[in-house]
Amino acid sequence: MEPGRECPEGGTGALRPVVVEGATSRTYYAAFHGTQAILLTEGLQPKSHQGTIYLFIHHFVKTGRIEPEYSQILARAAKYREEADYRHTMVFTKEQTSETIREVEFFLKRKYISGM
């Protein structure tokens, strides 16, 4: 399917390219909004996607409050979202997208604030 083309209703239940790209993008946004919520606990309000990632790394990972693997998950999800939404040079498989979803679920389940 061409980028930007609407996905038709119905179908065989198989993930078509535009559906997989959409799922990849939406998975990143789950991590992005979760990260923004984490940053708000410190009074931080980034103005961009890159700013969100930078502040998360600077205030949580580099200080040792969060393990580096969480920033890697966020960065990978951001890279895939950029690819899915704008570049369209990668082919996302159902398996790859499922793995990204699992990683982001893992990311979102992490307790970021002590006492939670």
PDB file of N, CA and C in Angstrom:
ATOM      1  N   MET A   1       0.836  -1.178   0.000  1.00  0.00           N
ATOM      2  CA  MET A   1       0.000   0.000   0.000  1.00  0.00           C
ATOM      3  C   MET A   1       0.881   1.242   0.000  1.00  0.00           C
ATOM      4  N   GLU A   2       0.386   2.294  -0.572  1.00  0.00           N
ATOM      5  CA  GLU A   2       1.117   3.547  -0.593  1.00  0.00           C
ATOM      6  C   GLU A   2       0.996   4.248   0.752  1.00  0.00           C
ATOM      7  N   PRO A   3       2.050   4.939   1.171  1.00  0.00           N
ATOM      8  CA  PRO A   3       1.969   5.713   2.407  1.00  0.00           C
ATOM      9  C   PRO A   3       0.840   6.732   2.323  1.00  0.00           C
ATOM     10  N   GLY A   4       0.125   6.898   3.407  1.00  0.00           N
ATOM     11  CA  GLY A   4      -0.950   7.871   3.443  1.00  0.00           C
ATOM     12  C   GLY A   4      -2.274   7.365   2.925  1.00  0.00           C
ATOM     13  N   ARG A   5      -2.294   6.201   2.325  1.00  0.00           N
ATOM     14  CA  ARG A   5      -3.532   5.641   1.811  1.00  0.00           C
ATOM     15  C   ARG A   5      -4.346   5.066   2.949  1.00  0.00           C
ATOM     16  N   GLU A   6      -5.629   5.272   2.929  1.00  0.00           N
ATOM     17  CA  GLU A   6      -6.495   4.758   3.982  1.00  0.00           C
ATOM     18  C   GLU A   6      -6.584   3.246   3.904  1.00  0.00           C
ATOM     19  N   CYS A   7      -6.693   2.630   5.046  1.00  0.00           N
ATOM     20  CA  CYS A   7      -6.854   1.188   5.132  1.00  0.00           C
ATOM     21  C   CYS A   7      -8.334   0.862   4.983  1.00  0.00           C
ATOM     22  N   PRO A   8      -8.711   0.021   4.052  1.00  0.00           N
ATOM     23  CA  PRO A   8     -10.125  -0.290   3.855  1.00  0.00           C
ATOM     24  C   PRO A   8     -10.703  -1.045   5.049  1.00  0.00           C
ATOM     25  N   GLU A   9     -12.003  -0.888   5.259  1.00  0.00           N
ATOM     26  CA  GLU A   9     -12.702  -1.614   6.322  1.00  0.00           C
ATOM     27  C   GLU A   9     -12.685  -3.105   6.024  1.00  0.00           C
ATOM     28  N   GLY A  10     -12.834  -3.880   7.051  1.00  0.00           N
ATOM     29  CA  GLY A  10     -12.904  -5.330   6.870  1.00  0.00           C
ATOM     30  C   GLY A  10     -11.547  -5.916   6.584  1.00  0.00           C
ATOM     31  N   GLY A  11     -11.518  -6.971   5.827  1.00  0.00           N
ATOM     32  CA  GLY A  11     -10.254  -7.612   5.495  1.00  0.00           C
ATOM     33  C   GLY A  11     -10.191  -9.011   6.061  1.00  0.00           C
ATOM     34  N   THR A  12      -9.042  -9.622   5.915  1.00  0.00           N
ATOM     35  CA  THR A  12      -8.885 -11.014   6.317  1.00  0.00           C
ATOM     36  C   THR A  12      -8.392 -11.166   7.739  1.00  0.00           C
ATOM     37  N   GLY A  13      -8.106 -10.067   8.412  1.00  0.00           N
ATOM     38  CA  GLY A  13      -7.560 -10.145   9.762  1.00  0.00           C
ATOM     39  C   GLY A  13      -6.044 -10.064   9.766  1.00  0.00           C
ATOM     40  N   ALA A  14      -5.414 -10.179   8.612  1.00  0.00           N
ATOM     41  CA  ALA A  14      -3.954 -10.046   8.529  1.00  0.00           C
ATOM     42  C   ALA A  14      -3.603  -8.569   8.621  1.00  0.00           C
ATOM     43  N   LEU A  15      -2.486  -8.259   9.242  1.00  0.00           N
ATOM     44  CA  LEU A  15      -2.070  -6.867   9.323  1.00  0.00           C
ATOM     45  C   LEU A  15      -1.512  -6.425   7.981  1.00  0.00           C
ATOM     46  N   ARG A  16      -2.149  -5.451   7.390  1.00  0.00           N
ATOM     47  CA  ARG A  16      -1.684  -4.894   6.134  1.00  0.00           C
ATOM     48  C   ARG A  16      -0.623  -3.831   6.431  1.00  0.00           C
ATOM     49  N   PRO A  17       0.226  -3.452   5.468  1.00  0.00           N
ATOM     50  CA  PRO A  17       1.320  -2.515   5.741  1.00  0.00           C
ATOM     51  C   PRO A  17       0.897  -1.237   6.446  1.00  0.00           C
ATOM     52  N   VAL A  18      -0.178  -0.589   5.997  1.00  0.00           N
ATOM     53  CA  VAL A  18      -0.583   0.669   6.614  1.00  0.00           C
ATOM     54  C   VAL A  18      -1.051   0.440   8.048  1.00  0.00           C
ATOM     55  N   VAL A  19      -1.627  -0.699   8.349  1.00  0.00           N
ATOM     56  CA  VAL A  19      -2.067  -1.019   9.707  1.00  0.00           C
ATOM     57  C   VAL A  19      -0.847  -1.216  10.604  1.00  0.00           C
ATOM     58  N   VAL A  20       0.152  -1.931  10.122  1.00  0.00           N
ATOM     59  CA  VAL A  20       1.362  -2.171  10.901  1.00  0.00           C
ATOM     60  C   VAL A  20       2.079  -0.845  11.158  1.00  0.00           C
ATOM     61  N   GLU A  21       2.201  -0.003  10.153  1.00  0.00           N
ATOM     62  CA  GLU A  21       2.837   1.301  10.339  1.00  0.00           C
ATOM     63  C   GLU A  21       2.062   2.136  11.348  1.00  0.00           C
ATOM     64  N   GLY A  22       0.734   2.112  11.265  1.00  0.00           N
ATOM     65  CA  GLY A  22      -0.092   2.848  12.210  1.00  0.00           C
ATOM     66  C   GLY A  22       0.091   2.344  13.628  1.00  0.00           C
ATOM     67  N   ALA A  23       0.155   1.035  13.787  1.00  0.00           N
ATOM     68  CA  ALA A  23       0.361   0.445  15.113  1.00  0.00           C
ATOM     69  C   ALA A  23       1.732   0.818  15.657  1.00  0.00           C
ATOM     70  N   THR A  24       2.731   0.837  14.793  1.00  0.00           N
ATOM     71  CA  THR A  24       4.084   1.226  15.198  1.00  0.00           C
ATOM     72  C   THR A  24       4.085   2.670  15.690  1.00  0.00           C
ATOM     73  N   SER A  25       3.450   3.543  14.962  1.00  0.00           N
ATOM     74  CA  SER A  25       3.386   4.952  15.330  1.00  0.00           C
ATOM     75  C   SER A  25       2.629   5.145  16.642  1.00  0.00           C
ATOM     76  N   ARG A  26       1.478   4.516  16.770  1.00  0.00           N
ATOM     77  CA  ARG A  26       0.662   4.664  17.988  1.00  0.00           C
ATOM     78  C   ARG A  26       1.355   4.077  19.210  1.00  0.00           C
ATOM     79  N   THR A  27       2.151   3.058  19.013  1.00  0.00           N
ATOM     80  CA  THR A  27       2.900   2.482  20.127  1.00  0.00           C
ATOM     81  C   THR A  27       3.899   3.494  20.666  1.00  0.00           C
ATOM     82  N   TYR A  28       4.574   4.186  19.763  1.00  0.00           N
ATOM     83  CA  TYR A  28       5.495   5.235  20.208  1.00  0.00           C
ATOM     84  C   TYR A  28       4.752   6.294  21.007  1.00  0.00           C
ATOM     85  N   TYR A  29       3.584   6.717  20.512  1.00  0.00           N
ATOM     86  CA  TYR A  29       2.854   7.769  21.213  1.00  0.00           C
ATOM     87  C   TYR A  29       2.445   7.348  22.619  1.00  0.00           C
ATOM     88  N   ALA A  30       2.187   6.083  22.837  1.00  0.00           N
ATOM     89  CA  ALA A  30       1.910   5.600  24.199  1.00  0.00           C
ATOM     90  C   ALA A  30       3.131   5.840  25.086  1.00  0.00           C
ATOM     91  N   ALA A  31       4.317   5.496  24.578  1.00  0.00           N
ATOM     92  CA  ALA A  31       5.555   5.714  25.341  1.00  0.00           C
ATOM     93  C   ALA A  31       5.829   7.209  25.511  1.00  0.00           C
ATOM     94  N   PHE A  32       5.588   7.984  24.483  1.00  0.00           N
ATOM     95  CA  PHE A  32       5.816   9.432  24.522  1.00  0.00           C
ATOM     96  C   PHE A  32       4.953  10.088  25.595  1.00  0.00           C
ATOM     97  N   HIS A  33       3.665   9.780  25.596  1.00  0.00           N
ATOM     98  CA  HIS A  33       2.772  10.392  26.581  1.00  0.00           C
ATOM     99  C   HIS A  33       3.076   9.899  27.992  1.00  0.00           C
ATOM    100  N   GLY A  34       3.455   8.637  28.112  1.00  0.00           N
ATOM    101  CA  GLY A  34       3.881   8.123  29.409  1.00  0.00           C
ATOM    102  C   GLY A  34       5.117   8.851  29.908  1.00  0.00           C
ATOM    103  N   THR A  35       6.051   9.114  29.008  1.00  0.00           N
ATOM    104  CA  THR A  35       7.281   9.829  29.361  1.00  0.00           C
ATOM    105  C   THR A  35       6.965  11.260  29.773  1.00  0.00           C
ATOM    106  N   GLN A  36       6.057  11.897  29.065  1.00  0.00           N
ATOM    107  CA  GLN A  36       5.677  13.253  29.449  1.00  0.00           C
ATOM    108  C   GLN A  36       5.067  13.275  30.847  1.00  0.00           C
ATOM    109  N   ALA A  37       4.269  12.279  31.180  1.00  0.00           N
ATOM    110  CA  ALA A  37       3.687  12.198  32.521  1.00  0.00           C
ATOM    111  C   ALA A  37       4.781  12.042  33.577  1.00  0.00           C
ATOM    112  N   ILE A  38       5.778  11.223  33.269  1.00  0.00           N
ATOM    113  CA  ILE A  38       6.908  11.030  34.184  1.00  0.00           C
ATOM    114  C   ILE A  38       7.632  12.359  34.396  1.00  0.00           C
ATOM    115  N   LEU A  39       7.871  13.086  33.320  1.00  0.00           N
ATOM    116  CA  LEU A  39       8.574  14.359  33.412  1.00  0.00           C
ATOM    117  C   LEU A  39       7.776  15.388  34.214  1.00  0.00           C
ATOM    118  N   LEU A  40       6.469  15.346  34.098  1.00  0.00           N
ATOM    119  CA  LEU A  40       5.634  16.278  34.849  1.00  0.00           C
ATOM    120  C   LEU A  40       5.781  16.093  36.355  1.00  0.00           C
ATOM    121  N   THR A  41       6.130  14.880  36.791  1.00  0.00           N
ATOM    122  CA  THR A  41       6.338  14.659  38.227  1.00  0.00           C
ATOM    123  C   THR A  41       7.502  15.484  38.755  1.00  0.00           C
ATOM    124  N   GLU A  42       8.363  15.941  37.846  1.00  0.00           N
ATOM    125  CA  GLU A  42       9.510  16.785  38.203  1.00  0.00           C
ATOM    126  C   GLU A  42       9.280  18.237  37.782  1.00  0.00           C
ATOM    127  N   GLY A  43       8.067  18.539  37.326  1.00  0.00           N
ATOM    128  CA  GLY A  43       7.764  19.893  36.869  1.00  0.00           C
ATOM    129  C   GLY A  43       8.338  20.224  35.509  1.00  0.00           C
ATOM    130  N   LEU A  44       8.722  19.201  34.751  1.00  0.00           N
ATOM    131  CA  LEU A  44       9.343  19.396  33.431  1.00  0.00           C
ATOM    132  C   LEU A  44       8.290  19.273  32.338  1.00  0.00           C
ATOM    133  N   GLN A  45       8.266  20.267  31.442  1.00  0.00           N
ATOM    134  CA  GLN A  45       7.297  20.262  30.344  1.00  0.00           C
ATOM    135  C   GLN A  45       8.011  20.511  29.020  1.00  0.00           C
ATOM    136  N   PRO A  46       8.521  19.451  28.411  1.00  0.00           N
ATOM    137  CA  PRO A  46       9.228  19.616  27.137  1.00  0.00           C
ATOM    138  C   PRO A  46       8.291  20.109  26.042  1.00  0.00           C
ATOM    139  N   LYS A  47       8.889  20.752  25.042  1.00  0.00           N
ATOM    140  CA  LYS A  47       8.102  21.327  23.953  1.00  0.00           C
ATOM    141  C   LYS A  47       8.200  20.533  22.656  1.00  0.00           C
ATOM    142  N   SER A  48       8.951  19.443  22.686  1.00  0.00           N
ATOM    143  CA  SER A  48       9.120  18.656  21.461  1.00  0.00           C
ATOM    144  C   SER A  48       9.339  17.188  21.809  1.00  0.00           C
ATOM    145  N   HIS A  49       9.287  16.365  20.790  1.00  0.00           N
ATOM    146  CA  HIS A  49       9.566  14.940  20.977  1.00  0.00           C
ATOM    147  C   HIS A  49      11.016  14.752  21.427  1.00  0.00           C
ATOM    148  N   GLN A  50      11.935  15.409  20.745  1.00  0.00           N
ATOM    149  CA  GLN A  50      13.348  15.289  21.103  1.00  0.00           C
ATOM    150  C   GLN A  50      13.610  15.834  22.506  1.00  0.00           C
ATOM    151  N   GLY A  51      12.926  16.920  22.849  1.00  0.00           N
ATOM    152  CA  GLY A  51      13.068  17.478  24.185  1.00  0.00           C
ATOM    153  C   GLY A  51      12.579  16.512  25.257  1.00  0.00           C
ATOM    154  N   THR A  52      11.518  15.789  24.959  1.00  0.00           N
ATOM    155  CA  THR A  52      10.985  14.791  25.884  1.00  0.00           C
ATOM    156  C   THR A  52      12.019  13.705  26.129  1.00  0.00           C
ATOM    157  N   ILE A  53      12.596  13.199  25.066  1.00  0.00           N
ATOM    158  CA  ILE A  53      13.596  12.133  25.194  1.00  0.00           C
ATOM    159  C   ILE A  53      14.830  12.653  25.926  1.00  0.00           C
ATOM    160  N   TYR A  54      15.288  13.853  25.562  1.00  0.00           N
ATOM    161  CA  TYR A  54      16.470  14.429  26.202  1.00  0.00           C
ATOM    162  C   TYR A  54      16.255  14.597  27.709  1.00  0.00           C
ATOM    163  N   LEU A  55      15.121  15.181  28.104  1.00  0.00           N
ATOM    164  CA  LEU A  55      14.869  15.411  29.526  1.00  0.00           C
ATOM    165  C   LEU A  55      14.717  14.103  30.298  1.00  0.00           C
ATOM    166  N   PHE A  56      14.111  13.114  29.658  1.00  0.00           N
ATOM    167  CA  PHE A  56      13.974  11.802  30.302  1.00  0.00           C
ATOM    168  C   PHE A  56      15.364  11.222  30.580  1.00  0.00           C
ATOM    169  N   ILE A  57      16.223  11.265  29.585  1.00  0.00           N
ATOM    170  CA  ILE A  57      17.581  10.734  29.757  1.00  0.00           C
ATOM    171  C   ILE A  57      18.342  11.555  30.807  1.00  0.00           C
ATOM    172  N   HIS A  58      18.272  12.856  30.687  1.00  0.00           N
ATOM    173  CA  HIS A  58      19.042  13.741  31.566  1.00  0.00           C
ATOM    174  C   HIS A  58      18.594  13.636  33.033  1.00  0.00           C
ATOM    175  N   HIS A  59      17.296  13.612  33.282  1.00  0.00           N
ATOM    176  CA  HIS A  59      16.786  13.656  34.651  1.00  0.00           C
ATOM    177  C   HIS A  59      16.542  12.284  35.275  1.00  0.00           C
ATOM    178  N   PHE A  60      16.427  11.255  34.466  1.00  0.00           N
ATOM    179  CA  PHE A  60      16.114   9.944  35.024  1.00  0.00           C
ATOM    180  C   PHE A  60      17.196   8.902  34.768  1.00  0.00           C
ATOM    181  N   VAL A  61      17.713   8.831  33.545  1.00  0.00           N
ATOM    182  CA  VAL A  61      18.699   7.795  33.218  1.00  0.00           C
ATOM    183  C   VAL A  61      20.088   8.192  33.724  1.00  0.00           C
ATOM    184  N   LYS A  62      20.540   9.375  33.361  1.00  0.00           N
ATOM    185  CA  LYS A  62      21.896   9.796  33.761  1.00  0.00           C
ATOM    186  C   LYS A  62      22.038   9.956  35.269  1.00  0.00           C
ATOM    187  N   THR A  63      20.944  10.150  35.969  1.00  0.00           N
ATOM    188  CA  THR A  63      21.002  10.275  37.428  1.00  0.00           C
ATOM    189  C   THR A  63      20.923   8.917  38.110  1.00  0.00           C
ATOM    190  N   GLY A  64      20.726   7.862  37.317  1.00  0.00           N
ATOM    191  CA  GLY A  64      20.664   6.516  37.865  1.00  0.00           C
ATOM    192  C   GLY A  64      19.305   6.118  38.419  1.00  0.00           C
ATOM    193  N   ARG A  65      18.313   6.966  38.233  1.00  0.00           N
ATOM    194  CA  ARG A  65      16.975   6.652  38.737  1.00  0.00           C
ATOM    195  C   ARG A  65      16.266   5.619  37.869  1.00  0.00           C
ATOM    196  N   ILE A  66      16.670   5.555  36.617  1.00  0.00           N
ATOM    197  CA  ILE A  66      16.076   4.638  35.642  1.00  0.00           C
ATOM    198  C   ILE A  66      17.199   3.944  34.893  1.00  0.00           C
ATOM    199  N   GLU A  67      17.026   2.671  34.616  1.00  0.00           N
ATOM    200  CA  GLU A  67      18.018   1.903  33.884  1.00  0.00           C
ATOM    201  C   GLU A  67      18.076   2.374  32.421  1.00  0.00           C
ATOM    202  N   PRO A  68      19.266   2.347  31.817  1.00  0.00           N
ATOM    203  CA  PRO A  68      19.436   2.807  30.434  1.00  0.00           C
ATOM    204  C   PRO A  68      18.546   2.089  29.418  1.00  0.00           C
ATOM    205  N   GLU A  69      18.178   0.851  29.683  1.00  0.00           N
ATOM    206  CA  GLU A  69      17.359   0.129  28.704  1.00  0.00           C
ATOM    207  C   GLU A  69      16.033   0.838  28.424  1.00  0.00           C
ATOM    208  N   TYR A  70      15.536   1.612  29.383  1.00  0.00           N
ATOM    209  CA  TYR A  70      14.269   2.316  29.179  1.00  0.00           C
ATOM    210  C   TYR A  70      14.420   3.457  28.176  1.00  0.00           C
ATOM    211  N   SER A  71      15.550   4.136  28.206  1.00  0.00           N
ATOM    212  CA  SER A  71      15.770   5.180  27.204  1.00  0.00           C
ATOM    213  C   SER A  71      15.989   4.561  25.823  1.00  0.00           C
ATOM    214  N   GLN A  72      16.581   3.375  25.798  1.00  0.00           N
ATOM    215  CA  GLN A  72      16.774   2.680  24.516  1.00  0.00           C
ATOM    216  C   GLN A  72      15.432   2.278  23.910  1.00  0.00           C
ATOM    217  N   ILE A  73      14.523   1.811  24.748  1.00  0.00           N
ATOM    218  CA  ILE A  73      13.181   1.452  24.256  1.00  0.00           C
ATOM    219  C   ILE A  73      12.491   2.684  23.692  1.00  0.00           C
ATOM    220  N   LEU A  74      12.546   3.789  24.431  1.00  0.00           N
ATOM    221  CA  LEU A  74      11.913   5.028  23.986  1.00  0.00           C
ATOM    222  C   LEU A  74      12.532   5.522  22.685  1.00  0.00           C
ATOM    223  N   ALA A  75      13.850   5.517  22.599  1.00  0.00           N
ATOM    224  CA  ALA A  75      14.536   5.987  21.388  1.00  0.00           C
ATOM    225  C   ALA A  75      14.214   5.106  20.182  1.00  0.00           C
ATOM    226  N   ARG A  76      14.175   3.787  20.398  1.00  0.00           N
ATOM    227  CA  ARG A  76      13.859   2.872  19.303  1.00  0.00           C
ATOM    228  C   ARG A  76      12.422   3.094  18.824  1.00  0.00           C
ATOM    229  N   ALA A  77      11.496   3.245  19.754  1.00  0.00           N
ATOM    230  CA  ALA A  77      10.100   3.495  19.380  1.00  0.00           C
ATOM    231  C   ALA A  77       9.974   4.808  18.607  1.00  0.00           C
ATOM    232  N   ALA A  78      10.740   5.833  19.028  1.00  0.00           N
ATOM    233  CA  ALA A  78      10.720   7.121  18.324  1.00  0.00           C
ATOM    234  C   ALA A  78      11.261   6.973  16.905  1.00  0.00           C
ATOM    235  N   LYS A  79      12.340   6.236  16.759  1.00  0.00           N
ATOM    236  CA  LYS A  79      12.934   5.998  15.431  1.00  0.00           C
ATOM    237  C   LYS A  79      11.936   5.283  14.523  1.00  0.00           C
ATOM    238  N   TYR A  80      11.290   4.275  15.045  1.00  0.00           N
ATOM    239  CA  TYR A  80      10.314   3.530  14.246  1.00  0.00           C
ATOM    240  C   TYR A  80       9.112   4.401  13.877  1.00  0.00           C
ATOM    241  N   ARG A  81       8.696   5.267  14.805  1.00  0.00           N
ATOM    242  CA  ARG A  81       7.570   6.152  14.508  1.00  0.00           C
ATOM    243  C   ARG A  81       7.932   7.103  13.377  1.00  0.00           C
ATOM    244  N   GLU A  82       9.134   7.681  13.446  1.00  0.00           N
ATOM    245  CA  GLU A  82       9.585   8.578  12.370  1.00  0.00           C
ATOM    246  C   GLU A  82       9.575   7.851  11.026  1.00  0.00           C
ATOM    247  N   GLU A  83      10.084   6.640  11.045  1.00  0.00           N
ATOM    248  CA  GLU A  83      10.141   5.836   9.820  1.00  0.00           C
ATOM    249  C   GLU A  83       8.733   5.540   9.300  1.00  0.00           C
ATOM    250  N   ALA A  84       7.866   5.112  10.187  1.00  0.00           N
ATOM    251  CA  ALA A  84       6.506   4.733   9.783  1.00  0.00           C
ATOM    252  C   ALA A  84       5.701   5.933   9.294  1.00  0.00           C
ATOM    253  N   ASP A  85       5.885   7.082   9.933  1.00  0.00           N
ATOM    254  CA  ASP A  85       5.068   8.252   9.595  1.00  0.00           C
ATOM    255  C   ASP A  85       5.613   9.069   8.434  1.00  0.00           C
ATOM    256  N   TYR A  86       6.937   9.087   8.255  1.00  0.00           N
ATOM    257  CA  TYR A  86       7.507  10.032   7.303  1.00  0.00           C
ATOM    258  C   TYR A  86       8.397   9.445   6.219  1.00  0.00           C
ATOM    259  N   ARG A  87       9.208   8.456   6.541  1.00  0.00           N
ATOM    260  CA  ARG A  87      10.225   8.011   5.585  1.00  0.00           C
ATOM    261  C   ARG A  87       9.762   6.870   4.694  1.00  0.00           C
ATOM    262  N   HIS A  88       9.175   5.887   5.269  1.00  0.00           N
ATOM    263  CA  HIS A  88       8.656   4.727   4.542  1.00  0.00           C
ATOM    264  C   HIS A  88       9.730   3.956   3.772  1.00  0.00           C
ATOM    265  N   THR A  89      10.935   3.897   4.333  1.00  0.00           N
ATOM    266  CA  THR A  89      11.979   3.106   3.689  1.00  0.00           C
ATOM    267  C   THR A  89      12.158   1.754   4.370  1.00  0.00           C
ATOM    268  N   MET A  90      11.569   1.582   5.557  1.00  0.00           N
ATOM    269  CA  MET A  90      11.602   0.297   6.262  1.00  0.00           C
ATOM    270  C   MET A  90      10.280  -0.416   6.047  1.00  0.00           C
ATOM    271  N   VAL A  91      10.341  -1.710   6.015  1.00  0.00           N
ATOM    272  CA  VAL A  91       9.122  -2.510   5.963  1.00  0.00           C
ATOM    273  C   VAL A  91       8.924  -3.091   7.361  1.00  0.00           C
ATOM    274  N   PHE A  92       7.835  -2.725   7.999  1.00  0.00           N
ATOM    275  CA  PHE A  92       7.544  -3.217   9.341  1.00  0.00           C
ATOM    276  C   PHE A  92       6.750  -4.507   9.239  1.00  0.00           C
ATOM    277  N   THR A  93       7.241  -5.511   9.934  1.00  0.00           N
ATOM    278  CA  THR A  93       6.535  -6.790   9.949  1.00  0.00           C
ATOM    279  C   THR A  93       5.616  -6.837  11.161  1.00  0.00           C
ATOM    280  N   LYS A  94       4.683  -7.753  11.120  1.00  0.00           N
ATOM    281  CA  LYS A  94       3.784  -7.961  12.254  1.00  0.00           C
ATOM    282  C   LYS A  94       4.602  -8.338  13.488  1.00  0.00           C
ATOM    283  N   GLU A  95       5.608  -9.179  13.304  1.00  0.00           N
ATOM    284  CA  GLU A  95       6.439  -9.626  14.424  1.00  0.00           C
ATOM    285  C   GLU A  95       7.223  -8.465  15.033  1.00  0.00           C
ATOM    286  N   GLN A  96       7.815  -7.626  14.190  1.00  0.00           N
ATOM    287  CA  GLN A  96       8.587  -6.482  14.680  1.00  0.00           C
ATOM    288  C   GLN A  96       7.674  -5.513  15.441  1.00  0.00           C
ATOM    289  N   THR A  97       6.504  -5.269  14.895  1.00  0.00           N
ATOM    290  CA  THR A  97       5.567  -4.366  15.544  1.00  0.00           C
ATOM    291  C   THR A  97       5.090  -4.953  16.868  1.00  0.00           C
ATOM    292  N   SER A  98       4.849  -6.251  16.898  1.00  0.00           N
ATOM    293  CA  SER A  98       4.454  -6.906  18.150  1.00  0.00           C
ATOM    294  C   SER A  98       5.550  -6.790  19.199  1.00  0.00           C
ATOM    295  N   GLU A  99       6.800  -6.923  18.784  1.00  0.00           N
ATOM    296  CA  GLU A  99       7.919  -6.777  19.711  1.00  0.00           C
ATOM    297  C   GLU A  99       8.005  -5.349  20.243  1.00  0.00           C
ATOM    298  N   THR A 100       7.792  -4.361  19.383  1.00  0.00           N
ATOM    299  CA  THR A 100       7.793  -2.970  19.821  1.00  0.00           C
ATOM    300  C   THR A 100       6.675  -2.728  20.822  1.00  0.00           C
ATOM    301  N   ILE A 101       5.528  -3.301  20.582  1.00  0.00           N
ATOM    302  CA  ILE A 101       4.408  -3.169  21.517  1.00  0.00           C
ATOM    303  C   ILE A 101       4.780  -3.789  22.865  1.00  0.00           C
ATOM    304  N   ARG A 102       5.387  -4.950  22.855  1.00  0.00           N
ATOM    305  CA  ARG A 102       5.812  -5.598  24.114  1.00  0.00           C
ATOM    306  C   ARG A 102       6.826  -4.722  24.865  1.00  0.00           C
ATOM    307  N   GLU A 103       7.778  -4.164  24.136  1.00  0.00           N
ATOM    308  CA  GLU A 103       8.778  -3.308  24.778  1.00  0.00           C
ATOM    309  C   GLU A 103       8.140  -2.080  25.415  1.00  0.00           C
ATOM    310  N   VAL A 104       7.227  -1.461  24.702  1.00  0.00           N
ATOM    311  CA  VAL A 104       6.587  -0.257  25.235  1.00  0.00           C
ATOM    312  C   VAL A 104       5.689  -0.605  26.419  1.00  0.00           C
ATOM    313  N   GLU A 105       5.034  -1.748  26.378  1.00  0.00           N
ATOM    314  CA  GLU A 105       4.259  -2.185  27.541  1.00  0.00           C
ATOM    315  C   GLU A 105       5.178  -2.357  28.747  1.00  0.00           C
ATOM    316  N   PHE A 106       6.341  -2.942  28.536  1.00  0.00           N
ATOM    317  CA  PHE A 106       7.350  -3.098  29.589  1.00  0.00           C
ATOM    318  C   PHE A 106       7.767  -1.723  30.112  1.00  0.00           C
ATOM    319  N   PHE A 107       8.027  -0.796  29.205  1.00  0.00           N
ATOM    320  CA  PHE A 107       8.410   0.570  29.532  1.00  0.00           C
ATOM    321  C   PHE A 107       7.348   1.237  30.402  1.00  0.00           C
ATOM    322  N   LEU A 108       6.087   1.081  30.032  1.00  0.00           N
ATOM    323  CA  LEU A 108       4.995   1.749  30.736  1.00  0.00           C
ATOM    324  C   LEU A 108       4.692   1.119  32.095  1.00  0.00           C
ATOM    325  N   LYS A 109       5.077  -0.131  32.282  1.00  0.00           N
ATOM    326  CA  LYS A 109       4.816  -0.803  33.559  1.00  0.00           C
ATOM    327  C   LYS A 109       5.843  -0.451  34.635  1.00  0.00           C
ATOM    328  N   ARG A 110       6.949   0.165  34.240  1.00  0.00           N
ATOM    329  CA  ARG A 110       8.013   0.542  35.177  1.00  0.00           C
ATOM    330  C   ARG A 110       7.489   1.593  36.131  1.00  0.00           C
ATOM    331  N   LYS A 111       7.734   1.419  37.415  1.00  0.00           N
ATOM    332  CA  LYS A 111       7.345   2.421  38.404  1.00  0.00           C
ATOM    333  C   LYS A 111       8.454   3.467  38.470  1.00  0.00           C
ATOM    334  N   TYR A 112       8.141   4.687  38.099  1.00  0.00           N
ATOM    335  CA  TYR A 112       9.130   5.741  37.979  1.00  0.00           C
ATOM    336  C   TYR A 112       9.231   6.615  39.216  1.00  0.00           C
ATOM    337  N   ILE A 113       8.215   6.602  40.033  1.00  0.00           N
ATOM    338  CA  ILE A 113       8.190   7.462  41.197  1.00  0.00           C
ATOM    339  C   ILE A 113       8.261   6.594  42.435  1.00  0.00           C
ATOM    340  N   SER A 114       9.186   6.860  43.313  1.00  0.00           N
ATOM    341  CA  SER A 114       9.293   6.038  44.511  1.00  0.00           C
ATOM    342  C   SER A 114       8.004   6.152  45.317  1.00  0.00           C
ATOM    343  N   GLY A 115       7.598   5.037  45.890  1.00  0.00           N
ATOM    344  CA  GLY A 115       6.374   5.004  46.667  1.00  0.00           C
ATOM    345  C   GLY A 115       5.156   4.585  45.870  1.00  0.00           C
ATOM    346  N   MET A 116       5.314   4.410  44.568  1.00  0.00           N
ATOM    347  CA  MET A 116       4.162   3.986  43.763  1.00  0.00           C
ATOM    348  C   MET A 116       4.021   2.495  43.793  1.00  0.00           C
TER     349      MET A 116
END
